[in-house]
Amino acid sequence: MKHIQKFVIIILTIVLISIVLSNLHKEPRLSDEIVKAIEYKTGDRSSCTINISEITKFKWDKMAFYTVGSSNIEVSNALGVRYNESTDAMTGLVFVFHGKIVYQEQIPYYPEQPAKLWLWLPVDLGSPNCIVVFPYNAVFIGSKDQDNGKCYYEITPEQR
């Protein structure tokens, strides 16, 4: 019985060490990098412009920027690449390079428990909830706001 307990403890220790080590080398999420860029560039102001192509550390030639109300079919059509992820109650960024998705990040939209970064796309009735930008025009307005002692960030396309 003692051998089994020692074996279980050894296995659990190995698993725990593996989890800790894998998190140490984890790349920061792009949304975290966007928040850092907004924080750095705004200073005392509440908004700034940021270029997503200056923040990304991977190659891409198209990016879909979608907000709540978008469908994976709409994102697929915009990018010309099949996008199978659910977009329900999500905003997100999907990057494509040479016809393949190279990075994607979804940000859940829960108004009662907001995420640190909001993706905002001003829409008119009947206009799409998804846009495509390229490295040369990936300029967004970044803003920050405080509510109940918490800082929230938002990006919206500079032009539509």
C-alpha atoms as a PDB file:
ATOM      1  CA  MET A   1       0.000   0.000   0.000  1.00  0.00           C
ATOM      2  CA  LYS A   2       2.860   2.404   0.814  1.00  0.00           C
ATOM      3  CA  HIS A   3       4.391   1.793  -2.620  1.00  0.00           C
ATOM      4  CA  ILE A   4       1.145   2.843  -4.307  1.00  0.00           C
ATOM      5  CA  GLN A   5       0.975   6.041  -2.237  1.00  0.00           C
ATOM      6  CA  LYS A   6       4.570   6.915  -3.089  1.00  0.00           C
ATOM      7  CA  PHE A   7       3.910   6.219  -6.746  1.00  0.00           C
ATOM      8  CA  VAL A   8       0.822   8.463  -6.755  1.00  0.00           C
ATOM      9  CA  ILE A   9       2.734  11.267  -4.997  1.00  0.00           C
ATOM     10  CA  ILE A  10       5.567  11.007  -7.534  1.00  0.00           C
ATOM     11  CA  ILE A  11       3.136  11.108 -10.474  1.00  0.00           C
ATOM     12  CA  LEU A  12       1.251  14.091  -9.010  1.00  0.00           C
ATOM     13  CA  THR A  13       4.534  15.923  -8.402  1.00  0.00           C
ATOM     14  CA  ILE A  14       5.646  15.328 -11.993  1.00  0.00           C
ATOM     15  CA  VAL A  15       2.308  16.562 -13.331  1.00  0.00           C
ATOM     16  CA  LEU A  16       2.414  19.676 -11.146  1.00  0.00           C
ATOM     17  CA  ILE A  17       5.992  20.490 -12.190  1.00  0.00           C
ATOM     18  CA  SER A  18       5.040  20.004 -15.868  1.00  0.00           C
ATOM     19  CA  ILE A  19       2.122  22.422 -15.530  1.00  0.00           C
ATOM     20  CA  VAL A  20       4.262  25.045 -13.809  1.00  0.00           C
ATOM     21  CA  LEU A  21       7.039  24.760 -16.398  1.00  0.00           C
ATOM     22  CA  SER A  22       4.645  24.931 -19.340  1.00  0.00           C
ATOM     23  CA  ASN A  23       3.111  28.136 -17.963  1.00  0.00           C
ATOM     24  CA  LEU A  24       6.522  29.738 -17.503  1.00  0.00           C
ATOM     25  CA  HIS A  25       7.194  29.638 -21.248  1.00  0.00           C
ATOM     26  CA  LYS A  26       3.695  30.615 -22.295  1.00  0.00           C
ATOM     27  CA  GLU A  27       3.519  33.382 -24.869  1.00  0.00           C
ATOM     28  CA  PRO A  28       1.483  36.367 -23.741  1.00  0.00           C
ATOM     29  CA  ARG A  29      -1.912  36.667 -25.374  1.00  0.00           C
ATOM     30  CA  LEU A  30      -2.262  39.317 -28.039  1.00  0.00           C
ATOM     31  CA  SER A  31      -5.041  40.977 -26.027  1.00  0.00           C
ATOM     32  CA  ASP A  32      -2.546  41.445 -23.168  1.00  0.00           C
ATOM     33  CA  GLU A  33      -0.068  43.019 -25.600  1.00  0.00           C
ATOM     34  CA  ILE A  34      -2.789  45.343 -26.928  1.00  0.00           C
ATOM     35  CA  VAL A  35      -3.639  46.425 -23.371  1.00  0.00           C
ATOM     36  CA  LYS A  36       0.060  47.123 -22.689  1.00  0.00           C
ATOM     37  CA  ALA A  37       0.319  49.189 -25.884  1.00  0.00           C
ATOM     38  CA  ILE A  38      -2.766  51.236 -24.991  1.00  0.00           C
ATOM     39  CA  GLU A  39      -1.490  51.787 -21.466  1.00  0.00           C
ATOM     40  CA  TYR A  40       1.936  52.874 -22.742  1.00  0.00           C
ATOM     41  CA  LYS A  41       0.664  55.129 -25.530  1.00  0.00           C
ATOM     42  CA  THR A  42      -2.191  56.839 -23.707  1.00  0.00           C
ATOM     43  CA  GLY A  43      -0.179  58.188 -20.781  1.00  0.00           C
ATOM     44  CA  ASP A  44      -2.413  60.868 -19.250  1.00  0.00           C
ATOM     45  CA  ARG A  45      -4.801  60.817 -22.212  1.00  0.00           C
ATOM     46  CA  SER A  46      -7.755  58.471 -22.526  1.00  0.00           C
ATOM     47  CA  SER A  47      -7.144  57.333 -26.126  1.00  0.00           C
ATOM     48  CA  CYS A  48      -4.410  56.700 -28.679  1.00  0.00           C
ATOM     49  CA  THR A  49      -3.849  55.024 -32.025  1.00  0.00           C
ATOM     50  CA  ILE A  50      -2.250  51.614 -32.191  1.00  0.00           C
ATOM     51  CA  ASN A  51      -1.168  49.577 -35.172  1.00  0.00           C
ATOM     52  CA  ILE A  52      -1.798  45.875 -34.652  1.00  0.00           C
ATOM     53  CA  SER A  53       0.977  44.975 -37.104  1.00  0.00           C
ATOM     54  CA  GLU A  54       3.479  46.645 -34.740  1.00  0.00           C
ATOM     55  CA  ILE A  55       2.289  44.520 -31.814  1.00  0.00           C
ATOM     56  CA  THR A  56       2.076  41.077 -33.408  1.00  0.00           C
ATOM     57  CA  LYS A  57       5.139  38.850 -33.290  1.00  0.00           C
ATOM     58  CA  PHE A  58       4.024  36.520 -36.075  1.00  0.00           C
ATOM     59  CA  LYS A  59       3.519  36.887 -39.822  1.00  0.00           C
ATOM     60  CA  TRP A  60       0.039  37.562 -41.107  1.00  0.00           C
ATOM     61  CA  ASP A  61      -1.518  39.007 -44.232  1.00  0.00           C
ATOM     62  CA  LYS A  62      -5.182  39.372 -43.153  1.00  0.00           C
ATOM     63  CA  MET A  63      -6.967  39.834 -39.862  1.00  0.00           C
ATOM     64  CA  ALA A  64     -10.671  39.505 -39.123  1.00  0.00           C
ATOM     65  CA  PHE A  65     -11.961  41.696 -36.315  1.00  0.00           C
ATOM     66  CA  TYR A  66     -15.412  40.519 -35.253  1.00  0.00           C
ATOM     67  CA  THR A  67     -17.893  41.521 -32.610  1.00  0.00           C
ATOM     68  CA  VAL A  68     -20.973  40.016 -31.013  1.00  0.00           C
ATOM     69  CA  GLY A  69     -23.546  39.190 -33.655  1.00  0.00           C
ATOM     70  CA  SER A  70     -21.005  37.832 -36.114  1.00  0.00           C
ATOM     71  CA  SER A  71     -21.140  34.233 -37.267  1.00  0.00           C
ATOM     72  CA  ASN A  72     -18.341  31.845 -38.092  1.00  0.00           C
ATOM     73  CA  ILE A  73     -19.688  31.845 -41.655  1.00  0.00           C
ATOM     74  CA  GLU A  74     -19.336  35.650 -41.792  1.00  0.00           C
ATOM     75  CA  VAL A  75     -15.744  35.414 -40.479  1.00  0.00           C
ATOM     76  CA  SER A  76     -14.979  32.596 -42.960  1.00  0.00           C
ATOM     77  CA  ASN A  77     -16.348  34.604 -45.882  1.00  0.00           C
ATOM     78  CA  ALA A  78     -14.470  37.737 -44.830  1.00  0.00           C
ATOM     79  CA  LEU A  79     -11.141  35.905 -44.574  1.00  0.00           C
ATOM     80  CA  GLY A  80     -11.606  33.424 -47.410  1.00  0.00           C
ATOM     81  CA  VAL A  81     -10.646  30.670 -44.941  1.00  0.00           C
ATOM     82  CA  ARG A  82     -12.885  28.232 -43.101  1.00  0.00           C
ATOM     83  CA  TYR A  83     -13.393  29.373 -39.497  1.00  0.00           C
ATOM     84  CA  ASN A  84     -15.107  26.725 -37.364  1.00  0.00           C
ATOM     85  CA  GLU A  85     -15.048  28.316 -33.910  1.00  0.00           C
ATOM     86  CA  SER A  86     -18.280  29.437 -32.292  1.00  0.00           C
ATOM     87  CA  THR A  87     -18.752  33.187 -32.227  1.00  0.00           C
ATOM     88  CA  ASP A  88     -21.746  33.197 -29.870  1.00  0.00           C
ATOM     89  CA  ALA A  89     -21.381  35.967 -27.267  1.00  0.00           C
ATOM     90  CA  MET A  90     -17.776  36.461 -28.409  1.00  0.00           C
ATOM     91  CA  THR A  91     -15.636  39.118 -29.947  1.00  0.00           C
ATOM     92  CA  GLY A  92     -12.403  38.095 -31.556  1.00  0.00           C
ATOM     93  CA  LEU A  93      -9.378  38.445 -33.759  1.00  0.00           C
ATOM     94  CA  VAL A  94      -8.422  35.874 -36.383  1.00  0.00           C
ATOM     95  CA  PHE A  95      -5.133  36.175 -38.283  1.00  0.00           C
ATOM     96  CA  VAL A  96      -4.382  34.439 -41.564  1.00  0.00           C
ATOM     97  CA  PHE A  97      -1.083  33.976 -43.374  1.00  0.00           C
ATOM     98  CA  HIS A  98      -1.004  32.430 -46.858  1.00  0.00           C
ATOM     99  CA  GLY A  99      -4.515  31.029 -46.500  1.00  0.00           C
ATOM    100  CA  LYS A 100      -4.056  29.439 -43.063  1.00  0.00           C
ATOM    101  CA  ILE A 101      -5.163  30.611 -39.644  1.00  0.00           C
ATOM    102  CA  VAL A 102      -1.994  31.377 -37.668  1.00  0.00           C
ATOM    103  CA  TYR A 103      -3.500  32.970 -34.552  1.00  0.00           C
ATOM    104  CA  GLN A 104      -6.917  33.510 -33.084  1.00  0.00           C
ATOM    105  CA  GLU A 105      -8.190  34.906 -29.859  1.00  0.00           C
ATOM    106  CA  GLN A 106     -11.731  35.060 -28.610  1.00  0.00           C
ATOM    107  CA  ILE A 107     -12.875  37.418 -25.890  1.00  0.00           C
ATOM    108  CA  PRO A 108     -16.152  36.498 -24.179  1.00  0.00           C
ATOM    109  CA  TYR A 109     -18.749  39.260 -24.056  1.00  0.00           C
ATOM    110  CA  TYR A 110     -20.361  39.336 -20.621  1.00  0.00           C
ATOM    111  CA  PRO A 111     -21.595  42.872 -19.829  1.00  0.00           C
ATOM    112  CA  GLU A 112     -22.132  42.031 -16.153  1.00  0.00           C
ATOM    113  CA  GLN A 113     -18.554  40.741 -15.873  1.00  0.00           C
ATOM    114  CA  PRO A 114     -16.605  42.630 -18.550  1.00  0.00           C
ATOM    115  CA  ALA A 115     -13.302  41.460 -19.970  1.00  0.00           C
ATOM    116  CA  LYS A 116     -10.275  43.699 -19.601  1.00  0.00           C
ATOM    117  CA  LEU A 117     -10.242  44.353 -23.382  1.00  0.00           C
ATOM    118  CA  TRP A 118     -13.316  45.057 -25.464  1.00  0.00           C
ATOM    119  CA  LEU A 119     -13.382  44.890 -29.242  1.00  0.00           C
ATOM    120  CA  TRP A 120     -15.826  47.463 -30.527  1.00  0.00           C
ATOM    121  CA  LEU A 121     -17.099  47.843 -34.067  1.00  0.00           C
ATOM    122  CA  PRO A 122     -19.575  50.671 -34.638  1.00  0.00           C
ATOM    123  CA  VAL A 123     -22.267  49.160 -36.811  1.00  0.00           C
ATOM    124  CA  ASP A 124     -25.188  50.532 -38.714  1.00  0.00           C
ATOM    125  CA  LEU A 125     -28.305  48.455 -39.169  1.00  0.00           C
ATOM    126  CA  GLY A 126     -27.544  45.856 -41.821  1.00  0.00           C
ATOM    127  CA  SER A 127     -23.776  46.342 -41.822  1.00  0.00           C
ATOM    128  CA  PRO A 128     -21.499  43.386 -41.026  1.00  0.00           C
ATOM    129  CA  ASN A 129     -20.226  42.673 -37.513  1.00  0.00           C
ATOM    130  CA  CYS A 130     -16.866  41.683 -38.946  1.00  0.00           C
ATOM    131  CA  ILE A 131     -14.181  43.562 -40.840  1.00  0.00           C
ATOM    132  CA  VAL A 132     -10.924  42.494 -42.451  1.00  0.00           C
ATOM    133  CA  VAL A 133      -7.772  44.562 -42.174  1.00  0.00           C
ATOM    134  CA  PHE A 134      -4.300  44.097 -43.569  1.00  0.00           C
ATOM    135  CA  PRO A 135      -0.936  44.912 -41.998  1.00  0.00           C
ATOM    136  CA  TYR A 136      -0.797  48.255 -43.843  1.00  0.00           C
ATOM    137  CA  ASN A 137      -4.173  49.466 -42.465  1.00  0.00           C
ATOM    138  CA  ALA A 138      -4.441  47.726 -39.089  1.00  0.00           C
ATOM    139  CA  VAL A 139      -4.769  51.013 -37.224  1.00  0.00           C
ATOM    140  CA  PHE A 140      -7.150  51.139 -34.283  1.00  0.00           C
ATOM    141  CA  ILE A 141      -8.191  53.657 -31.689  1.00  0.00           C
ATOM    142  CA  GLY A 142      -7.272  52.334 -28.270  1.00  0.00           C
ATOM    143  CA  SER A 143      -8.903  53.780 -25.191  1.00  0.00           C
ATOM    144  CA  LYS A 144      -8.956  53.164 -21.485  1.00  0.00           C
ATOM    145  CA  ASP A 145     -11.542  53.883 -18.849  1.00  0.00           C
ATOM    146  CA  GLN A 146     -11.858  53.246 -15.147  1.00  0.00           C
ATOM    147  CA  ASP A 147     -14.941  51.892 -13.428  1.00  0.00           C
ATOM    148  CA  ASN A 148     -15.138  50.942  -9.749  1.00  0.00           C
ATOM    149  CA  GLY A 149     -11.357  51.054  -9.456  1.00  0.00           C
ATOM    150  CA  LYS A 150     -10.792  48.712 -12.423  1.00  0.00           C
ATOM    151  CA  CYS A 151      -9.240  49.761 -15.715  1.00  0.00           C
ATOM    152  CA  TYR A 152     -10.891  48.617 -18.949  1.00  0.00           C
ATOM    153  CA  TYR A 153      -9.546  48.933 -22.480  1.00  0.00           C
ATOM    154  CA  GLU A 154     -11.202  49.077 -25.869  1.00  0.00           C
ATOM    155  CA  ILE A 155     -10.111  49.030 -29.479  1.00  0.00           C
ATOM    156  CA  THR A 156     -12.133  50.130 -32.453  1.00  0.00           C
ATOM    157  CA  PRO A 157     -11.061  50.500 -36.091  1.00  0.00           C
ATOM    158  CA  GLU A 158      -9.763  53.950 -36.971  1.00  0.00           C
ATOM    159  CA  GLN A 159     -11.689  53.849 -40.243  1.00  0.00           C
ATOM    160  CA  ARG A 160     -14.498  51.706 -41.424  1.00  0.00           C
END
